[in-house]
Every structure is written in C-alpha cells, then in structure tokens.
Amino acid sequence: MTNRRAVTIYDKPASFFQDTPLDLQRRLFMKLSGTHSPFRAHSEPEDPATEPSAFMKRDAGSGLVMRLHERPALLVSSTGWTEDEDFSILLAALESSCVAASLNN
C-alpha cells in the first residue's frame, strides 16, 4: 500500500471580504423593498424618518441603523441556483435554526 498524506483545505473567504456595514445593508434592503414585498416593513412606521425595512430601521434622533429584533431570516448563497444544487439542506437548516430560536425566546 502506498503512503498517502491527507491535507484538509478549508473553504473560507479571502481576508479582503468584510461584513457589510449596517447602513449599506439598510440602503440595499430599502432599494429591494421597492420591488420585493418581503423586504418591506410589516407595518407603517410611527415616524417615517426611521425608514424601516423588514430587517432594520434608522433611529430618528441619532441616525444610527439598528437591526430589528423580530426580523425574518435571510439566507444568502454564494452560488447561483441550478437544478443540480440541493438547497433543501440549507433551507432545512434555516428552518431548524428558526425553530430553535423561537424555543429559546
């Protein structure tokens, strides 16, 4: 038998990838809310200056962007969907995490 050495290579993003700042996320969600209803706020805001989406709002006084505590889950994939990709695994994990989160509240 031949001696073989196995090496684990981890799939992780390059160091230049960073978290997207909240204000930039908010601007994207607001833009998407114009054409995609899941991104829209679920109710009319008491103060329109908060510019709410389904995921976050802006504090009218300070201008800081905050994530909503009761926001929906958003699954983002690094690949496009094709018929040969099984997204059911990702969706099942998302559903499980939502159930676990609701049990912890």
PDB file of N, CA and C in Angstrom:
ATOM      1  N   MET A   1       0.841  -1.166   0.000  1.00  0.00           N
ATOM      2  CA  MET A   1       0.000   0.000   0.000  1.00  0.00           C
ATOM      3  C   MET A   1       0.894   1.240   0.000  1.00  0.00           C
ATOM      4  N   THR A   2       0.475   2.238  -0.732  1.00  0.00           N
ATOM      5  CA  THR A   2       1.229   3.484  -0.846  1.00  0.00           C
ATOM      6  C   THR A   2       0.898   4.402   0.325  1.00  0.00           C
ATOM      7  N   ASN A   3       1.943   5.031   0.867  1.00  0.00           N
ATOM      8  CA  ASN A   3       1.702   6.011   1.939  1.00  0.00           C
ATOM      9  C   ASN A   3       1.150   7.290   1.326  1.00  0.00           C
ATOM     10  N   ARG A   4       0.026   7.715   1.842  1.00  0.00           N
ATOM     11  CA  ARG A   4      -0.599   8.958   1.368  1.00  0.00           C
ATOM     12  C   ARG A   4      -0.856   9.860   2.557  1.00  0.00           C
ATOM     13  N   ARG A   5      -0.669  11.111   2.319  1.00  0.00           N
ATOM     14  CA  ARG A   5      -0.903  12.091   3.372  1.00  0.00           C
ATOM     15  C   ARG A   5      -2.105  12.941   2.986  1.00  0.00           C
ATOM     16  N   ALA A   6      -3.099  12.956   3.830  1.00  0.00           N
ATOM     17  CA  ALA A   6      -4.302  13.755   3.567  1.00  0.00           C
ATOM     18  C   ALA A   6      -4.105  15.150   4.144  1.00  0.00           C
ATOM     19  N   VAL A   7      -4.573  16.149   3.407  1.00  0.00           N
ATOM     20  CA  VAL A   7      -4.494  17.535   3.852  1.00  0.00           C
ATOM     21  C   VAL A   7      -5.893  18.126   3.769  1.00  0.00           C
ATOM     22  N   THR A   8      -6.317  18.752   4.848  1.00  0.00           N
ATOM     23  CA  THR A   8      -7.620  19.416   4.855  1.00  0.00           C
ATOM     24  C   THR A   8      -7.443  20.850   4.382  1.00  0.00           C
ATOM     25  N   ILE A   9      -8.229  21.233   3.399  1.00  0.00           N
ATOM     26  CA  ILE A   9      -8.212  22.608   2.892  1.00  0.00           C
ATOM     27  C   ILE A   9      -9.561  23.220   3.242  1.00  0.00           C
ATOM     28  N   TYR A  10      -9.525  24.297   3.998  1.00  0.00           N
ATOM     29  CA  TYR A  10     -10.758  24.931   4.443  1.00  0.00           C
ATOM     30  C   TYR A  10     -11.221  25.961   3.421  1.00  0.00           C
ATOM     31  N   ASP A  11     -12.528  25.951   3.172  1.00  0.00           N
ATOM     32  CA  ASP A  11     -13.131  26.900   2.248  1.00  0.00           C
ATOM     33  C   ASP A  11     -13.538  28.124   3.049  1.00  0.00           C
ATOM     34  N   LYS A  12     -12.744  29.159   2.984  1.00  0.00           N
ATOM     35  CA  LYS A  12     -13.076  30.385   3.696  1.00  0.00           C
ATOM     36  C   LYS A  12     -12.756  31.577   2.801  1.00  0.00           C
ATOM     37  N   PRO A  13     -13.451  32.681   3.037  1.00  0.00           N
ATOM     38  CA  PRO A  13     -13.262  33.844   2.165  1.00  0.00           C
ATOM     39  C   PRO A  13     -11.884  34.474   2.352  1.00  0.00           C
ATOM     40  N   ALA A  14     -11.450  35.146   1.309  1.00  0.00           N
ATOM     41  CA  ALA A  14     -10.190  35.884   1.371  1.00  0.00           C
ATOM     42  C   ALA A  14     -10.308  36.992   2.412  1.00  0.00           C
ATOM     43  N   SER A  15      -9.179  37.429   2.933  1.00  0.00           N
ATOM     44  CA  SER A  15      -9.172  38.407   4.028  1.00  0.00           C
ATOM     45  C   SER A  15      -9.769  39.756   3.627  1.00  0.00           C
ATOM     46  N   PHE A  16      -9.836  40.061   2.324  1.00  0.00           N
ATOM     47  CA  PHE A  16     -10.382  41.360   1.927  1.00  0.00           C
ATOM     48  C   PHE A  16     -11.906  41.401   1.986  1.00  0.00           C
ATOM     49  N   PHE A  17     -12.567  40.251   2.203  1.00  0.00           N
ATOM     50  CA  PHE A  17     -14.012  40.238   2.377  1.00  0.00           C
ATOM     51  C   PHE A  17     -14.325  40.664   3.806  1.00  0.00           C
ATOM     52  N   GLN A  18     -15.231  41.598   3.956  1.00  0.00           N
ATOM     53  CA  GLN A  18     -15.589  42.143   5.264  1.00  0.00           C
ATOM     54  C   GLN A  18     -17.104  42.130   5.418  1.00  0.00           C
ATOM     55  N   ASP A  19     -17.571  42.259   6.651  1.00  0.00           N
ATOM     56  CA  ASP A  19     -19.003  42.427   6.881  1.00  0.00           C
ATOM     57  C   ASP A  19     -19.463  43.709   6.197  1.00  0.00           C
ATOM     58  N   THR A  20     -20.646  43.673   5.636  1.00  0.00           N
ATOM     59  CA  THR A  20     -21.212  44.858   5.011  1.00  0.00           C
ATOM     60  C   THR A  20     -21.736  45.782   6.107  1.00  0.00           C
ATOM     61  N   PRO A  21     -21.338  47.058   6.105  1.00  0.00           N
ATOM     62  CA  PRO A  21     -21.820  47.983   7.138  1.00  0.00           C
ATOM     63  C   PRO A  21     -23.354  48.038   7.155  1.00  0.00           C
ATOM     64  N   LEU A  22     -23.913  48.222   8.361  1.00  0.00           N
ATOM     65  CA  LEU A  22     -25.369  48.229   8.517  1.00  0.00           C
ATOM     66  C   LEU A  22     -26.052  49.266   7.629  1.00  0.00           C
ATOM     67  N   ASP A  23     -25.471  50.450   7.497  1.00  0.00           N
ATOM     68  CA  ASP A  23     -26.124  51.472   6.681  1.00  0.00           C
ATOM     69  C   ASP A  23     -26.198  51.040   5.221  1.00  0.00           C
ATOM     70  N   LEU A  24     -25.161  50.371   4.731  1.00  0.00           N
ATOM     71  CA  LEU A  24     -25.182  49.882   3.354  1.00  0.00           C
ATOM     72  C   LEU A  24     -26.196  48.752   3.206  1.00  0.00           C
ATOM     73  N   GLN A  25     -26.294  47.878   4.218  1.00  0.00           N
ATOM     74  CA  GLN A  25     -27.321  46.838   4.197  1.00  0.00           C
ATOM     75  C   GLN A  25     -28.707  47.471   4.132  1.00  0.00           C
ATOM     76  N   ARG A  26     -28.925  48.488   4.980  1.00  0.00           N
ATOM     77  CA  ARG A  26     -30.223  49.164   5.021  1.00  0.00           C
ATOM     78  C   ARG A  26     -30.574  49.758   3.679  1.00  0.00           C
ATOM     79  N   ARG A  27     -29.596  50.417   3.032  1.00  0.00           N
ATOM     80  CA  ARG A  27     -29.869  51.007   1.718  1.00  0.00           C
ATOM     81  C   ARG A  27     -30.237  49.935   0.697  1.00  0.00           C
ATOM     82  N   LEU A  28     -29.570  48.789   0.742  1.00  0.00           N
ATOM     83  CA  LEU A  28     -29.913  47.693  -0.166  1.00  0.00           C
ATOM     84  C   LEU A  28     -31.321  47.188   0.117  1.00  0.00           C
ATOM     85  N   PHE A  29     -31.650  46.960   1.397  1.00  0.00           N
ATOM     86  CA  PHE A  29     -32.983  46.472   1.749  1.00  0.00           C
ATOM     87  C   PHE A  29     -34.062  47.463   1.346  1.00  0.00           C
ATOM     88  N   MET A  30     -33.785  48.746   1.517  1.00  0.00           N
ATOM     89  CA  MET A  30     -34.765  49.765   1.127  1.00  0.00           C
ATOM     90  C   MET A  30     -34.969  49.750  -0.389  1.00  0.00           C
ATOM     91  N   LYS A  31     -33.890  49.604  -1.133  1.00  0.00           N
ATOM     92  CA  LYS A  31     -33.996  49.544  -2.598  1.00  0.00           C
ATOM     93  C   LYS A  31     -34.790  48.305  -3.020  1.00  0.00           C
ATOM     94  N   LEU A  32     -34.475  47.157  -2.401  1.00  0.00           N
ATOM     95  CA  LEU A  32     -35.184  45.922  -2.734  1.00  0.00           C
ATOM     96  C   LEU A  32     -36.650  45.973  -2.316  1.00  0.00           C
ATOM     97  N   SER A  33     -36.961  46.733  -1.264  1.00  0.00           N
ATOM     98  CA  SER A  33     -38.352  46.810  -0.805  1.00  0.00           C
ATOM     99  C   SER A  33     -39.255  47.488  -1.822  1.00  0.00           C
ATOM    100  N   GLY A  34     -38.666  48.254  -2.731  1.00  0.00           N
ATOM    101  CA  GLY A  34     -39.459  48.897  -3.777  1.00  0.00           C
ATOM    102  C   GLY A  34     -40.034  47.913  -4.777  1.00  0.00           C
ATOM    103  N   THR A  35     -39.369  46.749  -4.930  1.00  0.00           N
ATOM    104  CA  THR A  35     -39.824  45.768  -5.916  1.00  0.00           C
ATOM    105  C   THR A  35     -40.110  44.384  -5.330  1.00  0.00           C
ATOM    106  N   HIS A  36     -39.695  44.149  -4.091  1.00  0.00           N
ATOM    107  CA  HIS A  36     -39.863  42.826  -3.465  1.00  0.00           C
ATOM    108  C   HIS A  36     -40.498  42.996  -2.090  1.00  0.00           C
ATOM    109  N   SER A  37     -41.754  42.597  -1.964  1.00  0.00           N
ATOM    110  CA  SER A  37     -42.502  42.823  -0.725  1.00  0.00           C
ATOM    111  C   SER A  37     -41.886  42.192   0.527  1.00  0.00           C
ATOM    112  N   PRO A  38     -41.173  41.053   0.474  1.00  0.00           N
ATOM    113  CA  PRO A  38     -40.591  40.522   1.717  1.00  0.00           C
ATOM    114  C   PRO A  38     -39.597  41.475   2.393  1.00  0.00           C
ATOM    115  N   PHE A  39     -39.080  42.454   1.669  1.00  0.00           N
ATOM    116  CA  PHE A  39     -38.127  43.400   2.241  1.00  0.00           C
ATOM    117  C   PHE A  39     -38.820  44.618   2.859  1.00  0.00           C
ATOM    118  N   ARG A  40     -40.120  44.767   2.629  1.00  0.00           N
ATOM    119  CA  ARG A  40     -40.852  45.929   3.142  1.00  0.00           C
ATOM    120  C   ARG A  40     -41.157  45.782   4.625  1.00  0.00           C
ATOM    121  N   ALA A  41     -41.272  46.929   5.299  1.00  0.00           N
ATOM    122  CA  ALA A  41     -41.681  46.939   6.699  1.00  0.00           C
ATOM    123  C   ALA A  41     -43.064  46.307   6.804  1.00  0.00           C
ATOM    124  N   HIS A  42     -43.309  45.633   7.913  1.00  0.00           N
ATOM    125  CA  HIS A  42     -44.578  44.925   8.083  1.00  0.00           C
ATOM    126  C   HIS A  42     -45.717  45.829   8.521  1.00  0.00           C
ATOM    127  N   SER A  43     -45.388  47.039   8.938  1.00  0.00           N
ATOM    128  CA  SER A  43     -46.423  47.996   9.319  1.00  0.00           C
ATOM    129  C   SER A  43     -45.918  49.404   9.036  1.00  0.00           C
ATOM    130  N   GLU A  44     -46.838  50.331   9.020  1.00  0.00           N
ATOM    131  CA  GLU A  44     -46.460  51.725   8.786  1.00  0.00           C
ATOM    132  C   GLU A  44     -45.687  52.249   9.989  1.00  0.00           C
ATOM    133  N   PRO A  45     -44.589  52.945   9.756  1.00  0.00           N
ATOM    134  CA  PRO A  45     -43.818  53.461  10.884  1.00  0.00           C
ATOM    135  C   PRO A  45     -44.527  54.624  11.569  1.00  0.00           C
ATOM    136  N   GLU A  46     -44.333  54.724  12.890  1.00  0.00           N
ATOM    137  CA  GLU A  46     -44.868  55.875  13.617  1.00  0.00           C
ATOM    138  C   GLU A  46     -44.148  57.140  13.168  1.00  0.00           C
ATOM    139  N   ASP A  47     -42.865  57.011  12.880  1.00  0.00           N
ATOM    140  CA  ASP A  47     -42.046  58.126  12.425  1.00  0.00           C
ATOM    141  C   ASP A  47     -41.405  57.738  11.096  1.00  0.00           C
ATOM    142  N   PRO A  48     -41.814  58.340   9.974  1.00  0.00           N
ATOM    143  CA  PRO A  48     -41.243  57.983   8.666  1.00  0.00           C
ATOM    144  C   PRO A  48     -39.729  58.176   8.594  1.00  0.00           C
ATOM    145  N   ALA A  49     -39.157  58.982   9.486  1.00  0.00           N
ATOM    146  CA  ALA A  49     -37.711  59.210   9.477  1.00  0.00           C
ATOM    147  C   ALA A  49     -36.934  57.953   9.850  1.00  0.00           C
ATOM    148  N   THR A  50     -37.612  56.952  10.438  1.00  0.00           N
ATOM    149  CA  THR A  50     -36.915  55.715  10.806  1.00  0.00           C
ATOM    150  C   THR A  50     -36.609  54.852   9.590  1.00  0.00           C
ATOM    151  N   GLU A  51     -37.269  55.136   8.460  1.00  0.00           N
ATOM    152  CA  GLU A  51     -37.050  54.394   7.211  1.00  0.00           C
ATOM    153  C   GLU A  51     -36.932  52.889   7.459  1.00  0.00           C
ATOM    154  N   PRO A  52     -37.973  52.248   7.986  1.00  0.00           N
ATOM    155  CA  PRO A  52     -37.858  50.827   8.315  1.00  0.00           C
ATOM    156  C   PRO A  52     -37.958  49.920   7.101  1.00  0.00           C
ATOM    157  N   SER A  53     -37.299  48.788   7.195  1.00  0.00           N
ATOM    158  CA  SER A  53     -37.487  47.687   6.250  1.00  0.00           C
ATOM    159  C   SER A  53     -37.925  46.503   7.111  1.00  0.00           C
ATOM    160  N   ALA A  54     -38.043  45.333   6.534  1.00  0.00           N
ATOM    161  CA  ALA A  54     -38.400  44.152   7.316  1.00  0.00           C
ATOM    162  C   ALA A  54     -37.262  43.745   8.247  1.00  0.00           C
ATOM    163  N   PHE A  55     -36.059  44.280   8.022  1.00  0.00           N
ATOM    164  CA  PHE A  55     -34.881  43.830   8.749  1.00  0.00           C
ATOM    165  C   PHE A  55     -34.286  44.854   9.710  1.00  0.00           C
ATOM    166  N   MET A  56     -34.447  46.137   9.427  1.00  0.00           N
ATOM    167  CA  MET A  56     -33.802  47.154  10.247  1.00  0.00           C
ATOM    168  C   MET A  56     -34.503  48.487  10.126  1.00  0.00           C
ATOM    169  N   LYS A  57     -34.092  49.411  10.988  1.00  0.00           N
ATOM    170  CA  LYS A  57     -34.635  50.767  10.933  1.00  0.00           C
ATOM    171  C   LYS A  57     -33.541  51.731  11.369  1.00  0.00           C
ATOM    172  N   ARG A  58     -33.763  53.000  11.068  1.00  0.00           N
ATOM    173  CA  ARG A  58     -32.832  54.051  11.467  1.00  0.00           C
ATOM    174  C   ARG A  58     -33.419  54.771  12.678  1.00  0.00           C
ATOM    175  N   ASP A  59     -32.587  55.021  13.680  1.00  0.00           N
ATOM    176  CA  ASP A  59     -33.018  55.813  14.832  1.00  0.00           C
ATOM    177  C   ASP A  59     -33.192  57.251  14.367  1.00  0.00           C
ATOM    178  N   ALA A  60     -34.392  57.797  14.540  1.00  0.00           N
ATOM    179  CA  ALA A  60     -34.693  59.144  14.033  1.00  0.00           C
ATOM    180  C   ALA A  60     -33.834  60.209  14.696  1.00  0.00           C
ATOM    181  N   GLY A  61     -33.482  60.012  15.957  1.00  0.00           N
ATOM    182  CA  GLY A  61     -32.698  61.011  16.671  1.00  0.00           C
ATOM    183  C   GLY A  61     -31.219  60.978  16.328  1.00  0.00           C
ATOM    184  N   SER A  62     -30.623  59.793  16.434  1.00  0.00           N
ATOM    185  CA  SER A  62     -29.172  59.678  16.250  1.00  0.00           C
ATOM    186  C   SER A  62     -28.774  59.368  14.808  1.00  0.00           C
ATOM    187  N   GLY A  63     -29.707  58.810  14.035  1.00  0.00           N
ATOM    188  CA  GLY A  63     -29.380  58.412  12.672  1.00  0.00           C
ATOM    189  C   GLY A  63     -28.720  57.049  12.575  1.00  0.00           C
ATOM    190  N   LEU A  64     -28.496  56.380  13.726  1.00  0.00           N
ATOM    191  CA  LEU A  64     -27.875  55.062  13.723  1.00  0.00           C
ATOM    192  C   LEU A  64     -28.841  54.011  13.182  1.00  0.00           C
ATOM    193  N   VAL A  65     -28.294  53.046  12.450  1.00  0.00           N
ATOM    194  CA  VAL A  65     -29.091  51.951  11.901  1.00  0.00           C
ATOM    195  C   VAL A  65     -29.050  50.790  12.883  1.00  0.00           C
ATOM    196  N   MET A  66     -30.228  50.194  13.130  1.00  0.00           N
ATOM    197  CA  MET A  66     -30.332  49.078  14.065  1.00  0.00           C
ATOM    198  C   MET A  66     -31.082  47.925  13.412  1.00  0.00           C
ATOM    199  N   ARG A  67     -30.623  46.707  13.688  1.00  0.00           N
ATOM    200  CA  ARG A  67     -31.358  45.530  13.245  1.00  0.00           C
ATOM    201  C   ARG A  67     -32.587  45.367  14.121  1.00  0.00           C
ATOM    202  N   LEU A  68     -33.697  44.950  13.518  1.00  0.00           N
ATOM    203  CA  LEU A  68     -34.915  44.679  14.280  1.00  0.00           C
ATOM    204  C   LEU A  68     -34.774  43.343  15.000  1.00  0.00           C
ATOM    205  N   HIS A  69     -35.271  43.259  16.219  1.00  0.00           N
ATOM    206  CA  HIS A  69     -35.196  42.000  16.972  1.00  0.00           C
ATOM    207  C   HIS A  69     -36.087  40.934  16.340  1.00  0.00           C
ATOM    208  N   GLU A  70     -37.217  41.330  15.823  1.00  0.00           N
ATOM    209  CA  GLU A  70     -38.178  40.397  15.239  1.00  0.00           C
ATOM    210  C   GLU A  70     -38.076  40.371  13.716  1.00  0.00           C
ATOM    211  N   ARG A  71     -36.868  40.384  13.209  1.00  0.00           N
ATOM    212  CA  ARG A  71     -36.684  40.385  11.749  1.00  0.00           C
ATOM    213  C   ARG A  71     -36.744  38.954  11.202  1.00  0.00           C
ATOM    214  N   PRO A  72     -37.118  38.807   9.943  1.00  0.00           N
ATOM    215  CA  PRO A  72     -37.125  37.471   9.337  1.00  0.00           C
ATOM    216  C   PRO A  72     -35.698  37.004   9.062  1.00  0.00           C
ATOM    217  N   ALA A  73     -35.545  35.719   8.844  1.00  0.00           N
ATOM    218  CA  ALA A  73     -34.245  35.174   8.461  1.00  0.00           C
ATOM    219  C   ALA A  73     -34.009  35.465   6.984  1.00  0.00           C
ATOM    220  N   LEU A  74     -32.776  35.666   6.631  1.00  0.00           N
ATOM    221  CA  LEU A  74     -32.409  35.909   5.238  1.00  0.00           C
ATOM    222  C   LEU A  74     -31.260  34.977   4.895  1.00  0.00           C
ATOM    223  N   LEU A  75     -31.472  34.107   3.942  1.00  0.00           N
ATOM    224  CA  LEU A  75     -30.456  33.152   3.527  1.00  0.00           C
ATOM    225  C   LEU A  75     -29.808  33.659   2.246  1.00  0.00           C
ATOM    226  N   VAL A  76     -28.498  33.818   2.266  1.00  0.00           N
ATOM    227  CA  VAL A  76     -27.747  34.278   1.102  1.00  0.00           C
ATOM    228  C   VAL A  76     -26.782  33.173   0.716  1.00  0.00           C
ATOM    229  N   SER A  77     -26.785  32.806  -0.542  1.00  0.00           N
ATOM    230  CA  SER A  77     -25.891  31.764  -1.029  1.00  0.00           C
ATOM    231  C   SER A  77     -24.794  32.380  -1.885  1.00  0.00           C
ATOM    232  N   SER A  78     -23.634  31.783  -1.816  1.00  0.00           N
ATOM    233  CA  SER A  78     -22.515  32.284  -2.611  1.00  0.00           C
ATOM    234  C   SER A  78     -22.571  31.804  -4.053  1.00  0.00           C
ATOM    235  N   THR A  79     -23.532  30.966  -4.364  1.00  0.00           N
ATOM    236  CA  THR A  79     -23.652  30.454  -5.726  1.00  0.00           C
ATOM    237  C   THR A  79     -25.043  30.732  -6.264  1.00  0.00           C
ATOM    238  N   GLY A  80     -25.169  30.672  -7.558  1.00  0.00           N
ATOM    239  CA  GLY A  80     -26.481  30.767  -8.175  1.00  0.00           C
ATOM    240  C   GLY A  80     -27.171  29.419  -8.075  1.00  0.00           C
ATOM    241  N   TRP A  81     -28.484  29.432  -8.119  1.00  0.00           N
ATOM    242  CA  TRP A  81     -29.219  28.180  -8.014  1.00  0.00           C
ATOM    243  C   TRP A  81     -29.337  27.530  -9.380  1.00  0.00           C
ATOM    244  N   THR A  82     -29.007  26.260  -9.439  1.00  0.00           N
ATOM    245  CA  THR A  82     -29.245  25.446 -10.628  1.00  0.00           C
ATOM    246  C   THR A  82     -29.933  24.174 -10.166  1.00  0.00           C
ATOM    247  N   GLU A  83     -30.516  23.452 -11.077  1.00  0.00           N
ATOM    248  CA  GLU A  83     -31.291  22.270 -10.718  1.00  0.00           C
ATOM    249  C   GLU A  83     -30.465  21.188 -10.042  1.00  0.00           C
ATOM    250  N   ASP A  84     -29.149  21.155 -10.299  1.00  0.00           N
ATOM    251  CA  ASP A  84     -28.326  20.100  -9.701  1.00  0.00           C
ATOM    252  C   ASP A  84     -27.864  20.435  -8.277  1.00  0.00           C
ATOM    253  N   GLU A  85     -28.170  21.638  -7.780  1.00  0.00           N
ATOM    254  CA  GLU A  85     -27.796  22.010  -6.416  1.00  0.00           C
ATOM    255  C   GLU A  85     -28.969  21.732  -5.482  1.00  0.00           C
ATOM    256  N   ASP A  86     -28.677  21.116  -4.361  1.00  0.00           N
ATOM    257  CA  ASP A  86     -29.717  20.746  -3.404  1.00  0.00           C
ATOM    258  C   ASP A  86     -29.782  21.785  -2.290  1.00  0.00           C
ATOM    259  N   PHE A  87     -30.631  22.779  -2.451  1.00  0.00           N
ATOM    260  CA  PHE A  87     -30.781  23.826  -1.451  1.00  0.00           C
ATOM    261  C   PHE A  87     -31.666  23.377  -0.292  1.00  0.00           C
ATOM    262  N   SER A  88     -32.258  22.203  -0.401  1.00  0.00           N
ATOM    263  CA  SER A  88     -33.128  21.742   0.681  1.00  0.00           C
ATOM    264  C   SER A  88     -32.347  21.587   1.978  1.00  0.00           C
ATOM    265  N   ILE A  89     -31.055  21.271   1.907  1.00  0.00           N
ATOM    266  CA  ILE A  89     -30.227  21.140   3.112  1.00  0.00           C
ATOM    267  C   ILE A  89     -30.105  22.498   3.800  1.00  0.00           C
ATOM    268  N   LEU A  90     -29.825  23.549   3.025  1.00  0.00           N
ATOM    269  CA  LEU A  90     -29.723  24.896   3.590  1.00  0.00           C
ATOM    270  C   LEU A  90     -31.055  25.362   4.157  1.00  0.00           C
ATOM    271  N   LEU A  91     -32.129  25.108   3.425  1.00  0.00           N
ATOM    272  CA  LEU A  91     -33.449  25.541   3.878  1.00  0.00           C
ATOM    273  C   LEU A  91     -33.873  24.795   5.135  1.00  0.00           C
ATOM    274  N   ALA A  92     -33.548  23.505   5.228  1.00  0.00           N
ATOM    275  CA  ALA A  92     -33.874  22.726   6.428  1.00  0.00           C
ATOM    276  C   ALA A  92     -33.080  23.259   7.624  1.00  0.00           C
ATOM    277  N   ALA A  93     -31.811  23.616   7.405  1.00  0.00           N
ATOM    278  CA  ALA A  93     -31.003  24.181   8.491  1.00  0.00           C
ATOM    279  C   ALA A  93     -31.568  25.528   8.936  1.00  0.00           C
ATOM    280  N   LEU A  94     -31.996  26.335   7.985  1.00  0.00           N
ATOM    281  CA  LEU A  94     -32.589  27.627   8.320  1.00  0.00           C
ATOM    282  C   LEU A  94     -33.866  27.430   9.129  1.00  0.00           C
ATOM    283  N   GLU A  95     -34.695  26.495   8.705  1.00  0.00           N
ATOM    284  CA  GLU A  95     -35.935  26.217   9.434  1.00  0.00           C
ATOM    285  C   GLU A  95     -35.633  25.719  10.844  1.00  0.00           C
ATOM    286  N   SER A  96     -34.647  24.833  10.981  1.00  0.00           N
ATOM    287  CA  SER A  96     -34.268  24.325  12.310  1.00  0.00           C
ATOM    288  C   SER A  96     -33.772  25.441  13.213  1.00  0.00           C
ATOM    289  N   SER A  97     -32.988  26.350  12.662  1.00  0.00           N
ATOM    290  CA  SER A  97     -32.469  27.443  13.487  1.00  0.00           C
ATOM    291  C   SER A  97     -33.592  28.388  13.894  1.00  0.00           C
ATOM    292  N   CYS A  98     -34.582  28.579  13.042  1.00  0.00           N
ATOM    293  CA  CYS A  98     -35.732  29.420  13.391  1.00  0.00           C
ATOM    294  C   CYS A  98     -36.540  28.773  14.512  1.00  0.00           C
ATOM    295  N   VAL A  99     -36.731  27.469  14.431  1.00  0.00           N
ATOM    296  CA  VAL A  99     -37.466  26.756  15.471  1.00  0.00           C
ATOM    297  C   VAL A  99     -36.702  26.827  16.790  1.00  0.00           C
ATOM    298  N   ALA A 100     -35.390  26.610  16.734  1.00  0.00           N
ATOM    299  CA  ALA A 100     -34.570  26.670  17.956  1.00  0.00           C
ATOM    300  C   ALA A 100     -34.603  28.071  18.559  1.00  0.00           C
ATOM    301  N   ALA A 101     -34.547  29.081  17.709  1.00  0.00           N
ATOM    302  CA  ALA A 101     -34.579  30.458  18.208  1.00  0.00           C
ATOM    303  C   ALA A 101     -35.913  30.774  18.859  1.00  0.00           C
ATOM    304  N   SER A 102     -36.994  30.279  18.284  1.00  0.00           N
ATOM    305  CA  SER A 102     -38.313  30.551  18.867  1.00  0.00           C
ATOM    306  C   SER A 102     -38.493  29.812  20.188  1.00  0.00           C
ATOM    307  N   LEU A 103     -37.868  28.661  20.332  1.00  0.00           N
ATOM    308  CA  LEU A 103     -37.961  27.926  21.601  1.00  0.00           C
ATOM    309  C   LEU A 103     -37.152  28.603  22.699  1.00  0.00           C
ATOM    310  N   ASN A 104     -36.093  29.299  22.323  1.00  0.00           N
ATOM    311  CA  ASN A 104     -35.253  29.991  23.302  1.00  0.00           C
ATOM    312  C   ASN A 104     -35.856  31.310  23.760  1.00  0.00           C
ATOM    313  N   ASN A 105     -36.842  31.805  23.035  1.00  0.00           N
ATOM    314  CA  ASN A 105     -37.470  33.100  23.408  1.00  0.00           C
ATOM    315  C   ASN A 105     -38.621  32.922  24.316  1.00  0.00           C
TER     316      ASN A 105
END
